[in-house]
Amino acid sequence: MELFNESGYGIARMRIKGNDNNYNYIVWCAETLECTVIDPLDAGTVIGFVTSHGLRVKYIINTHTH
């Protein structure tokens, strides 16, 4: 997992093993803790991250078929 934290927002990029370079992305606002989940391939990984960071999912975006 890679985490990028900037002033006001954060991005998590999570590679899912065995899935040919597919990633889950979570982008969040540091102030509101609302987040967008992009290409959720592994629900358990996404839910675990969101829960452990106190985030609230506002949007889910799929850019391609999983």
Protein backbone atom coordinates (compact mmCIF):
# COMPACT_ATOMS: atom_id res chain seq x y z
CA MET A 1 0.00 0.00 0.00
CA GLU A 2 1.17 3.47 -0.80
CA LEU A 3 -0.11 6.53 1.06
CA PHE A 4 0.15 10.09 -0.18
CA ASN A 5 -0.78 12.82 2.28
CA GLU A 6 -0.90 16.44 1.23
CA SER A 7 -2.38 19.52 2.81
CA GLY A 8 -6.11 18.89 2.86
CA TYR A 9 -6.32 15.46 1.23
CA GLY A 10 -4.91 11.95 1.14
CA ILE A 11 -4.67 9.15 -1.39
CA ALA A 12 -4.22 5.45 -0.73
CA ARG A 13 -3.20 3.10 -3.54
CA MET A 14 -3.56 -0.58 -2.71
CA ARG A 15 -2.35 -3.31 -5.04
CA ILE A 16 -4.28 -6.53 -4.78
CA LYS A 17 -2.04 -9.58 -5.01
CA GLY A 18 -2.73 -11.95 -7.88
CA ASN A 19 -4.85 -9.47 -9.83
CA ASP A 20 -2.55 -8.42 -12.66
CA ASN A 21 -1.62 -4.94 -11.42
CA ASN A 22 -5.12 -3.87 -10.43
CA TYR A 23 -5.29 -1.27 -7.69
CA ASN A 24 -7.90 0.03 -5.28
CA TYR A 25 -7.71 3.80 -4.74
CA ILE A 26 -9.19 5.83 -1.92
CA VAL A 27 -9.08 9.63 -2.04
CA TRP A 28 -10.24 11.59 1.01
CA CYS A 29 -10.67 15.08 2.37
CA ALA A 30 -8.65 15.58 5.56
CA GLU A 31 -11.23 18.05 6.89
CA THR A 32 -14.53 16.23 6.31
CA LEU A 33 -13.12 12.67 6.20
CA GLU A 34 -15.39 11.95 3.24
CA CYS A 35 -13.80 9.72 0.64
CA THR A 36 -14.17 8.38 -2.85
CA VAL A 37 -13.30 4.77 -3.57
CA ILE A 38 -12.03 4.15 -7.10
CA ASP A 39 -12.05 0.69 -8.68
CA PRO A 40 -12.86 -1.31 -5.54
CA LEU A 41 -11.63 -4.81 -6.31
CA ASP A 42 -11.25 -6.18 -2.79
CA ALA A 43 -14.09 -5.09 -0.49
CA GLY A 44 -12.35 -6.33 2.66
CA THR A 45 -9.25 -4.26 1.98
CA VAL A 46 -11.30 -1.14 1.25
CA ILE A 47 -13.61 -1.53 4.25
CA GLY A 48 -10.66 -2.18 6.55
CA PHE A 49 -8.85 0.97 5.41
CA VAL A 50 -11.96 3.17 5.53
CA THR A 51 -12.89 1.93 9.00
CA SER A 52 -9.40 2.19 10.48
CA HIS A 53 -9.01 5.78 9.23
CA GLY A 54 -12.46 6.95 10.31
CA LEU A 55 -13.52 7.78 6.74
CA ARG A 56 -17.04 7.99 5.30
CA VAL A 57 -17.56 6.77 1.74
CA LYS A 58 -19.39 9.36 -0.36
CA TYR A 59 -18.72 8.01 -3.86
CA ILE A 60 -17.69 4.74 -5.49
CA ILE A 61 -16.30 4.97 -9.02
CA ASN A 62 -15.64 2.02 -11.32
CA THR A 63 -13.51 2.92 -14.32
CA HIS A 64 -13.57 -0.56 -15.83
CA THR A 65 -14.94 -4.07 -15.26
CA HIS A 66 -13.53 -6.14 -12.42
